[in-house]
């Protein structure tokens, strides 16, 4: 079974939990980079300088965990203004990355996009405009970072995938 098929077989809660867990494991890439580098870029169209909050990914994880913990209650994402604000905080940096106005090392860019795709899944639903699962994209990018940086072994990744189905 491919990772895509595996993710598609999970419940919404399992997909959310998996993405959160994988992003947390890969997060040291972002932390190390943001400690030593300025998170700034210059917009090539209007030439304005922009800054990215170094806690942005931590904030995404905190809000996603809050949603996960309240998924079975009457609280809905629609009422969560903070998650919408976080999504807006990603819009300019994502455009800057796509326009090559902001260049990040590959692993840092992937963990950034992993968090962004998690927000996409939470706000707009799992399937993105290309018909792919945003949770799958988030998990896949985080796993790629985890693997390339050797944070945990392939066996440990497989164990996490197995345990998500058992826990939730």
N, C-alpha and C. Protein backbone atom coordinates (compact mmCIF):
# COMPACT_ATOMS: atom_id res chain seq x y z
N UNK A 1 0.85 -1.17 0.00
CA UNK A 1 0.00 0.00 0.00
C UNK A 1 0.90 1.24 0.00
N UNK A 2 0.60 2.17 -0.88
CA UNK A 2 1.37 3.41 -0.93
C UNK A 2 0.95 4.33 0.22
N UNK A 3 1.77 5.33 0.48
CA UNK A 3 1.42 6.31 1.51
C UNK A 3 0.12 7.01 1.16
N UNK A 4 -0.07 7.32 -0.11
CA UNK A 4 -1.31 7.98 -0.55
C UNK A 4 -2.53 7.09 -0.24
N UNK A 5 -2.44 5.83 -0.58
CA UNK A 5 -3.54 4.90 -0.31
C UNK A 5 -3.77 4.76 1.19
N UNK A 6 -2.67 4.68 1.92
CA UNK A 6 -2.77 4.58 3.38
C UNK A 6 -3.50 5.79 3.95
N UNK A 7 -3.07 6.99 3.56
CA UNK A 7 -3.70 8.22 4.06
C UNK A 7 -5.18 8.26 3.69
N UNK A 8 -5.49 7.84 2.48
CA UNK A 8 -6.89 7.84 2.05
C UNK A 8 -7.74 6.87 2.85
N UNK A 9 -7.12 5.85 3.45
CA UNK A 9 -7.86 4.87 4.23
C UNK A 9 -8.13 5.33 5.66
N UNK A 10 -7.52 6.42 6.06
CA UNK A 10 -7.67 6.91 7.43
C UNK A 10 -8.92 7.77 7.60
N UNK A 11 -9.40 7.85 8.81
CA UNK A 11 -10.49 8.76 9.14
C UNK A 11 -9.93 10.18 9.17
N UNK A 12 -10.81 11.16 9.19
CA UNK A 12 -10.40 12.57 9.27
C UNK A 12 -9.54 12.80 10.52
N UNK A 13 -9.95 12.25 11.62
CA UNK A 13 -9.22 12.43 12.88
C UNK A 13 -7.83 11.79 12.79
N UNK A 14 -7.74 10.61 12.19
CA UNK A 14 -6.46 9.94 12.04
C UNK A 14 -5.53 10.72 11.12
N UNK A 15 -6.07 11.26 10.04
CA UNK A 15 -5.26 12.06 9.11
C UNK A 15 -4.71 13.30 9.80
N UNK A 16 -5.55 13.96 10.56
CA UNK A 16 -5.14 15.15 11.30
C UNK A 16 -4.06 14.80 12.31
N UNK A 17 -4.27 13.74 13.08
CA UNK A 17 -3.30 13.32 14.09
C UNK A 17 -1.97 12.94 13.45
N UNK A 18 -2.02 12.24 12.32
CA UNK A 18 -0.80 11.83 11.63
C UNK A 18 0.00 13.04 11.15
N UNK A 19 -0.67 13.98 10.51
CA UNK A 19 0.02 15.17 10.02
C UNK A 19 0.65 15.96 11.15
N UNK A 20 -0.08 16.13 12.24
CA UNK A 20 0.45 16.86 13.39
C UNK A 20 1.70 16.16 13.92
N UNK A 21 1.61 14.86 14.12
CA UNK A 21 2.71 14.10 14.67
C UNK A 21 3.96 14.19 13.79
N UNK A 22 3.78 14.05 12.48
CA UNK A 22 4.92 14.09 11.57
C UNK A 22 5.54 15.48 11.48
N UNK A 23 4.70 16.50 11.48
CA UNK A 23 5.23 17.87 11.46
C UNK A 23 6.04 18.14 12.73
N UNK A 24 5.55 17.67 13.87
CA UNK A 24 6.28 17.87 15.12
C UNK A 24 7.65 17.19 15.09
N UNK A 25 7.73 16.02 14.48
CA UNK A 25 9.01 15.32 14.39
C UNK A 25 9.98 16.08 13.49
N UNK A 26 9.46 16.66 12.40
CA UNK A 26 10.30 17.38 11.43
C UNK A 26 10.56 18.83 11.83
N UNK A 27 9.87 19.32 12.83
CA UNK A 27 9.95 20.72 13.22
C UNK A 27 11.36 21.24 13.55
N UNK A 28 12.27 20.43 14.07
CA UNK A 28 13.62 20.95 14.35
C UNK A 28 14.32 21.56 13.13
N UNK A 29 13.95 21.13 11.94
CA UNK A 29 14.52 21.74 10.73
C UNK A 29 14.15 23.21 10.67
N UNK A 30 12.88 23.52 10.90
CA UNK A 30 12.40 24.91 10.89
C UNK A 30 13.04 25.69 12.04
N UNK A 31 13.05 25.09 13.22
CA UNK A 31 13.58 25.77 14.41
C UNK A 31 15.05 26.13 14.23
N UNK A 32 15.84 25.19 13.77
CA UNK A 32 17.27 25.44 13.57
C UNK A 32 17.49 26.54 12.54
N UNK A 33 16.73 26.49 11.45
CA UNK A 33 16.88 27.50 10.41
C UNK A 33 16.45 28.88 10.92
N UNK A 34 15.31 28.94 11.59
CA UNK A 34 14.77 30.23 12.03
C UNK A 34 15.60 30.86 13.15
N UNK A 35 16.35 30.06 13.89
CA UNK A 35 17.22 30.59 14.93
C UNK A 35 18.44 31.29 14.34
N UNK A 36 18.92 30.79 13.22
CA UNK A 36 20.17 31.30 12.65
C UNK A 36 19.97 32.21 11.45
N UNK A 37 18.76 32.29 10.92
CA UNK A 37 18.51 33.06 9.71
C UNK A 37 17.32 33.99 9.89
N UNK A 38 17.37 35.09 9.20
CA UNK A 38 16.23 36.00 9.19
C UNK A 38 15.17 35.41 8.27
N UNK A 39 13.96 35.46 8.71
CA UNK A 39 12.84 34.95 7.90
C UNK A 39 12.21 36.13 7.16
N UNK A 40 12.99 36.67 6.24
CA UNK A 40 12.54 37.83 5.48
C UNK A 40 12.74 37.59 3.99
N UNK A 41 11.95 38.31 3.22
CA UNK A 41 12.08 38.28 1.76
C UNK A 41 11.58 39.60 1.23
N UNK A 42 11.95 39.89 0.00
CA UNK A 42 11.54 41.12 -0.64
C UNK A 42 10.64 40.76 -1.82
N UNK A 43 9.46 41.36 -1.83
CA UNK A 43 8.50 41.17 -2.91
C UNK A 43 9.06 41.80 -4.18
N UNK A 44 9.19 41.03 -5.23
CA UNK A 44 9.82 41.54 -6.46
C UNK A 44 8.93 42.49 -7.25
N UNK A 45 7.65 42.52 -6.96
CA UNK A 45 6.75 43.40 -7.71
C UNK A 45 6.74 44.80 -7.12
N UNK A 46 6.52 44.92 -5.82
CA UNK A 46 6.47 46.24 -5.19
C UNK A 46 7.71 46.55 -4.37
N UNK A 47 8.61 45.58 -4.28
CA UNK A 47 9.89 45.74 -3.64
C UNK A 47 9.80 46.02 -2.14
N UNK A 48 8.72 45.55 -1.52
CA UNK A 48 8.57 45.69 -0.07
C UNK A 48 9.18 44.49 0.63
N UNK A 49 9.76 44.75 1.79
CA UNK A 49 10.35 43.70 2.58
C UNK A 49 9.29 43.12 3.52
N UNK A 50 9.26 41.78 3.62
CA UNK A 50 8.30 41.09 4.47
C UNK A 50 9.03 40.18 5.44
N UNK A 51 8.43 39.97 6.60
CA UNK A 51 8.98 39.06 7.60
C UNK A 51 7.97 37.96 7.89
N UNK A 52 8.49 36.79 8.18
CA UNK A 52 7.65 35.65 8.54
C UNK A 52 7.89 35.37 10.02
N UNK A 53 6.82 35.18 10.75
CA UNK A 53 6.88 34.89 12.18
C UNK A 53 7.57 33.54 12.39
N UNK A 54 8.64 33.52 13.17
CA UNK A 54 9.36 32.26 13.37
C UNK A 54 8.55 31.24 14.16
N UNK A 55 7.49 31.69 14.84
CA UNK A 55 6.62 30.78 15.59
C UNK A 55 5.43 30.28 14.77
N UNK A 56 5.39 30.63 13.51
CA UNK A 56 4.24 30.29 12.67
C UNK A 56 3.93 28.79 12.68
N UNK A 57 4.91 27.96 12.52
CA UNK A 57 4.67 26.52 12.48
C UNK A 57 4.25 25.98 13.85
N UNK A 58 4.83 26.54 14.91
CA UNK A 58 4.41 26.15 16.27
C UNK A 58 2.94 26.51 16.48
N UNK A 59 2.54 27.69 16.00
CA UNK A 59 1.16 28.14 16.15
C UNK A 59 0.20 27.23 15.37
N UNK A 60 0.63 26.78 14.19
CA UNK A 60 -0.20 25.87 13.40
C UNK A 60 -0.40 24.56 14.16
N UNK A 61 0.67 24.04 14.71
CA UNK A 61 0.58 22.79 15.47
C UNK A 61 -0.36 22.96 16.66
N UNK A 62 -0.22 24.04 17.40
CA UNK A 62 -1.07 24.27 18.57
C UNK A 62 -2.54 24.35 18.18
N UNK A 63 -2.85 25.07 17.12
CA UNK A 63 -4.24 25.19 16.69
C UNK A 63 -4.77 23.87 16.15
N UNK A 64 -3.94 23.15 15.40
CA UNK A 64 -4.37 21.86 14.86
C UNK A 64 -4.61 20.86 16.01
N UNK A 65 -3.78 20.89 17.03
CA UNK A 65 -3.99 20.01 18.18
C UNK A 65 -5.27 20.37 18.92
N UNK A 66 -5.57 21.66 19.02
CA UNK A 66 -6.82 22.09 19.65
C UNK A 66 -8.02 21.56 18.86
N UNK A 67 -7.93 21.64 17.55
CA UNK A 67 -9.01 21.12 16.71
C UNK A 67 -9.13 19.62 16.88
N UNK A 68 -7.99 18.92 16.87
CA UNK A 68 -8.00 17.46 17.05
C UNK A 68 -8.64 17.08 18.38
N UNK A 69 -8.29 17.80 19.44
CA UNK A 69 -8.82 17.49 20.76
C UNK A 69 -10.31 17.80 20.89
N UNK A 70 -10.82 18.66 20.02
CA UNK A 70 -12.24 19.04 20.09
C UNK A 70 -13.03 18.55 18.89
N UNK A 71 -12.45 17.66 18.09
CA UNK A 71 -13.10 17.19 16.86
C UNK A 71 -14.43 16.52 17.13
N UNK A 72 -14.54 15.84 18.27
CA UNK A 72 -15.77 15.13 18.59
C UNK A 72 -16.80 16.01 19.29
N UNK A 73 -16.41 17.24 19.62
CA UNK A 73 -17.35 18.13 20.31
C UNK A 73 -18.09 18.98 19.28
N UNK A 74 -18.86 19.89 19.77
CA UNK A 74 -19.67 20.74 18.87
C UNK A 74 -18.87 21.88 18.27
N UNK A 75 -17.61 22.07 18.69
CA UNK A 75 -16.79 23.14 18.13
C UNK A 75 -16.48 22.84 16.67
N UNK A 76 -16.50 23.85 15.85
CA UNK A 76 -16.20 23.66 14.43
C UNK A 76 -15.05 24.55 14.01
N UNK A 77 -14.43 24.19 12.92
CA UNK A 77 -13.32 24.99 12.38
C UNK A 77 -13.82 26.36 11.94
N UNK A 78 -15.05 26.42 11.43
CA UNK A 78 -15.58 27.69 10.94
C UNK A 78 -15.54 28.77 12.01
N UNK A 79 -15.67 28.38 13.26
CA UNK A 79 -15.67 29.35 14.34
C UNK A 79 -14.28 29.70 14.85
N UNK A 80 -13.27 29.09 14.30
CA UNK A 80 -11.91 29.30 14.78
C UNK A 80 -11.22 30.38 13.96
N UNK A 81 -11.32 31.59 14.43
CA UNK A 81 -10.71 32.71 13.72
C UNK A 81 -9.19 32.61 13.68
N UNK A 82 -8.59 32.05 14.72
CA UNK A 82 -7.13 31.94 14.78
C UNK A 82 -6.59 31.09 13.63
N UNK A 83 -7.25 30.01 13.32
CA UNK A 83 -6.78 29.14 12.24
C UNK A 83 -6.86 29.87 10.90
N UNK A 84 -7.89 30.69 10.73
CA UNK A 84 -8.03 31.48 9.50
C UNK A 84 -6.93 32.54 9.41
N UNK A 85 -6.58 33.14 10.55
CA UNK A 85 -5.51 34.13 10.59
C UNK A 85 -4.18 33.47 10.25
N UNK A 86 -3.95 32.29 10.78
CA UNK A 86 -2.71 31.57 10.46
C UNK A 86 -2.62 31.27 8.96
N UNK A 87 -3.74 30.91 8.38
CA UNK A 87 -3.75 30.63 6.94
C UNK A 87 -3.38 31.90 6.15
N UNK A 88 -3.92 33.02 6.58
CA UNK A 88 -3.58 34.29 5.91
C UNK A 88 -2.10 34.62 6.08
N UNK A 89 -1.53 34.24 7.24
CA UNK A 89 -0.11 34.48 7.48
C UNK A 89 0.79 33.68 6.52
N UNK A 90 0.25 32.64 5.93
CA UNK A 90 0.99 31.83 4.97
C UNK A 90 0.87 32.36 3.54
N UNK A 91 -0.18 33.11 3.23
CA UNK A 91 -0.47 33.44 1.83
C UNK A 91 0.66 34.20 1.14
N UNK A 92 1.18 35.25 1.74
CA UNK A 92 2.27 36.00 1.10
C UNK A 92 3.57 35.19 1.03
N UNK A 93 3.98 34.52 2.11
CA UNK A 93 5.21 33.72 2.00
C UNK A 93 5.11 32.60 0.97
N UNK A 94 3.96 31.96 0.86
CA UNK A 94 3.79 30.90 -0.14
C UNK A 94 3.93 31.49 -1.54
N UNK A 95 3.32 32.63 -1.76
CA UNK A 95 3.45 33.31 -3.06
C UNK A 95 4.91 33.68 -3.31
N UNK A 96 5.59 34.15 -2.28
CA UNK A 96 7.01 34.51 -2.43
C UNK A 96 7.85 33.29 -2.78
N UNK A 97 7.55 32.15 -2.16
CA UNK A 97 8.28 30.93 -2.50
C UNK A 97 8.02 30.52 -3.95
N UNK A 98 6.77 30.61 -4.36
CA UNK A 98 6.41 30.23 -5.73
C UNK A 98 6.99 31.18 -6.76
N UNK A 99 7.14 32.45 -6.39
CA UNK A 99 7.70 33.46 -7.31
C UNK A 99 9.22 33.57 -7.20
N UNK A 100 9.82 32.73 -6.39
CA UNK A 100 11.27 32.76 -6.14
C UNK A 100 11.74 34.06 -5.50
N UNK A 101 10.84 34.73 -4.78
CA UNK A 101 11.23 35.92 -4.01
C UNK A 101 11.81 35.54 -2.66
N UNK A 102 11.51 34.33 -2.21
CA UNK A 102 12.02 33.83 -0.94
C UNK A 102 12.56 32.43 -1.19
N UNK A 103 13.81 32.24 -0.93
CA UNK A 103 14.44 30.94 -1.14
C UNK A 103 14.80 30.34 0.21
N UNK A 104 14.39 29.10 0.39
CA UNK A 104 14.69 28.36 1.62
C UNK A 104 15.41 27.07 1.24
N UNK A 105 16.22 26.54 2.15
CA UNK A 105 16.76 25.21 1.91
C UNK A 105 15.62 24.21 1.73
N UNK A 106 15.86 23.19 0.96
CA UNK A 106 14.81 22.24 0.58
C UNK A 106 14.02 21.71 1.77
N UNK A 107 14.71 21.22 2.79
CA UNK A 107 14.01 20.64 3.94
C UNK A 107 13.18 21.68 4.68
N UNK A 108 13.68 22.89 4.78
CA UNK A 108 12.95 23.97 5.46
C UNK A 108 11.70 24.33 4.67
N UNK A 109 11.85 24.41 3.36
CA UNK A 109 10.70 24.71 2.51
C UNK A 109 9.64 23.60 2.61
N UNK A 110 10.08 22.36 2.65
CA UNK A 110 9.12 21.25 2.73
C UNK A 110 8.34 21.24 4.03
N UNK A 111 9.00 21.52 5.16
CA UNK A 111 8.26 21.54 6.42
C UNK A 111 7.32 22.73 6.47
N UNK A 112 7.72 23.83 5.85
CA UNK A 112 6.84 24.99 5.76
C UNK A 112 5.58 24.63 4.96
N UNK A 113 5.78 24.01 3.81
CA UNK A 113 4.65 23.58 2.98
C UNK A 113 3.82 22.48 3.65
N UNK A 114 4.46 21.65 4.44
CA UNK A 114 3.73 20.61 5.16
C UNK A 114 2.70 21.23 6.10
N UNK A 115 3.13 22.25 6.85
CA UNK A 115 2.21 22.95 7.75
C UNK A 115 1.12 23.68 6.96
N UNK A 116 1.51 24.28 5.85
CA UNK A 116 0.55 24.98 5.00
C UNK A 116 -0.52 24.02 4.46
N UNK A 117 -0.10 22.85 4.03
CA UNK A 117 -1.07 21.87 3.52
C UNK A 117 -1.95 21.31 4.63
N UNK A 118 -1.44 21.24 5.83
CA UNK A 118 -2.28 20.86 6.97
C UNK A 118 -3.38 21.89 7.16
N UNK A 119 -3.03 23.16 7.10
CA UNK A 119 -4.05 24.22 7.20
C UNK A 119 -5.06 24.12 6.06
N UNK A 120 -4.57 23.86 4.85
CA UNK A 120 -5.48 23.69 3.71
C UNK A 120 -6.51 22.60 3.99
N UNK A 121 -6.05 21.48 4.52
CA UNK A 121 -6.95 20.37 4.81
C UNK A 121 -7.97 20.75 5.88
N UNK A 122 -7.52 21.44 6.91
CA UNK A 122 -8.41 21.82 8.01
C UNK A 122 -9.46 22.82 7.53
N UNK A 123 -9.05 23.80 6.78
CA UNK A 123 -9.96 24.88 6.39
C UNK A 123 -10.84 24.51 5.19
N UNK A 124 -10.24 23.91 4.18
CA UNK A 124 -10.96 23.69 2.92
C UNK A 124 -11.39 22.25 2.69
N UNK A 125 -11.06 21.36 3.60
CA UNK A 125 -11.38 19.96 3.42
C UNK A 125 -10.18 19.23 2.84
N UNK A 126 -10.22 17.93 2.93
CA UNK A 126 -9.05 17.13 2.60
C UNK A 126 -8.63 17.22 1.14
N UNK A 127 -9.56 17.23 0.23
CA UNK A 127 -9.21 17.22 -1.20
C UNK A 127 -8.91 18.63 -1.69
N UNK A 128 -7.72 18.82 -2.27
CA UNK A 128 -7.36 20.13 -2.79
C UNK A 128 -7.89 20.33 -4.21
N UNK A 129 -7.57 21.43 -4.81
CA UNK A 129 -8.11 21.76 -6.14
C UNK A 129 -7.60 20.82 -7.23
N UNK A 130 -6.50 20.12 -6.96
CA UNK A 130 -5.98 19.15 -7.93
C UNK A 130 -6.51 17.75 -7.68
N UNK A 131 -7.43 17.61 -6.74
CA UNK A 131 -8.01 16.32 -6.44
C UNK A 131 -7.15 15.44 -5.55
N UNK A 132 -6.09 16.01 -4.99
CA UNK A 132 -5.23 15.26 -4.08
C UNK A 132 -5.59 15.56 -2.64
N UNK A 133 -5.21 14.67 -1.76
CA UNK A 133 -5.44 14.84 -0.33
C UNK A 133 -4.41 15.80 0.24
N UNK A 134 -4.87 16.89 0.84
CA UNK A 134 -3.95 17.84 1.48
C UNK A 134 -3.29 17.21 2.70
N UNK A 135 -4.00 16.30 3.38
CA UNK A 135 -3.38 15.59 4.51
C UNK A 135 -2.24 14.71 4.00
N UNK A 136 -2.47 14.03 2.89
CA UNK A 136 -1.42 13.19 2.31
C UNK A 136 -0.20 14.04 1.94
N UNK A 137 -0.43 15.16 1.29
CA UNK A 137 0.68 16.03 0.88
C UNK A 137 1.44 16.50 2.12
N UNK A 138 0.71 16.90 3.15
CA UNK A 138 1.34 17.35 4.40
C UNK A 138 2.19 16.23 5.00
N UNK A 139 1.62 15.04 5.12
CA UNK A 139 2.33 13.90 5.71
C UNK A 139 3.53 13.52 4.85
N UNK A 140 3.35 13.48 3.55
CA UNK A 140 4.43 13.08 2.64
C UNK A 140 5.61 14.04 2.74
N UNK A 141 5.34 15.33 2.77
CA UNK A 141 6.42 16.32 2.87
C UNK A 141 7.15 16.20 4.20
N UNK A 142 6.39 16.01 5.28
CA UNK A 142 7.01 15.87 6.60
C UNK A 142 7.86 14.60 6.65
N UNK A 143 7.37 13.51 6.10
CA UNK A 143 8.14 12.26 6.08
C UNK A 143 9.42 12.45 5.27
N UNK A 144 9.32 13.18 4.18
CA UNK A 144 10.51 13.43 3.36
C UNK A 144 11.57 14.17 4.18
N UNK A 145 11.14 15.16 4.95
CA UNK A 145 12.08 15.90 5.81
C UNK A 145 12.64 14.97 6.89
N UNK A 146 11.78 14.22 7.52
CA UNK A 146 12.20 13.30 8.59
C UNK A 146 13.24 12.32 8.05
N UNK A 147 12.98 11.79 6.87
CA UNK A 147 13.88 10.82 6.27
C UNK A 147 15.20 11.47 5.83
N UNK A 148 15.12 12.61 5.16
CA UNK A 148 16.35 13.24 4.66
C UNK A 148 17.24 13.73 5.80
N UNK A 149 16.63 14.13 6.90
CA UNK A 149 17.40 14.62 8.05
C UNK A 149 17.73 13.51 9.05
N UNK A 150 17.24 12.31 8.78
CA UNK A 150 17.51 11.13 9.62
C UNK A 150 17.07 11.34 11.08
N UNK A 151 15.91 11.97 11.25
CA UNK A 151 15.39 12.18 12.60
C UNK A 151 14.98 10.86 13.26
N UNK A 152 14.33 10.00 12.49
CA UNK A 152 13.97 8.67 12.96
C UNK A 152 14.16 7.70 11.79
N UNK A 153 14.16 6.43 12.10
CA UNK A 153 14.40 5.42 11.06
C UNK A 153 13.13 5.14 10.26
N UNK A 154 13.32 4.46 9.16
CA UNK A 154 12.18 4.05 8.33
C UNK A 154 11.25 3.13 9.12
N UNK A 155 11.82 2.28 9.95
CA UNK A 155 11.01 1.38 10.78
C UNK A 155 10.17 2.16 11.79
N UNK A 156 10.74 3.21 12.34
CA UNK A 156 10.00 4.05 13.29
C UNK A 156 8.86 4.80 12.58
N UNK A 157 9.10 5.22 11.35
CA UNK A 157 8.04 5.86 10.56
C UNK A 157 6.91 4.87 10.32
N UNK A 158 7.27 3.64 9.94
CA UNK A 158 6.26 2.60 9.71
C UNK A 158 5.47 2.30 10.98
N UNK A 159 6.15 2.33 12.11
CA UNK A 159 5.49 2.10 13.39
C UNK A 159 4.47 3.22 13.70
N UNK A 160 4.85 4.45 13.40
CA UNK A 160 3.93 5.57 13.60
C UNK A 160 2.69 5.39 12.73
N UNK A 161 2.90 5.03 11.48
CA UNK A 161 1.78 4.83 10.56
C UNK A 161 0.86 3.72 11.06
N UNK A 162 1.44 2.65 11.53
CA UNK A 162 0.65 1.52 12.05
C UNK A 162 -0.14 1.94 13.29
N UNK A 163 0.53 2.66 14.19
CA UNK A 163 -0.10 3.03 15.46
C UNK A 163 -1.21 4.06 15.32
N UNK A 164 -1.17 4.89 14.30
CA UNK A 164 -2.25 5.88 14.09
C UNK A 164 -3.57 5.15 13.93
N UNK A 165 -3.56 4.06 13.15
CA UNK A 165 -4.80 3.31 12.95
C UNK A 165 -5.26 2.63 14.24
N UNK A 166 -4.33 2.22 15.05
CA UNK A 166 -4.68 1.51 16.28
C UNK A 166 -5.17 2.46 17.37
N UNK A 167 -4.59 3.66 17.44
CA UNK A 167 -4.90 4.60 18.53
C UNK A 167 -6.25 5.28 18.36
N UNK A 168 -6.57 5.67 17.13
CA UNK A 168 -7.77 6.49 16.94
C UNK A 168 -8.84 5.74 16.19
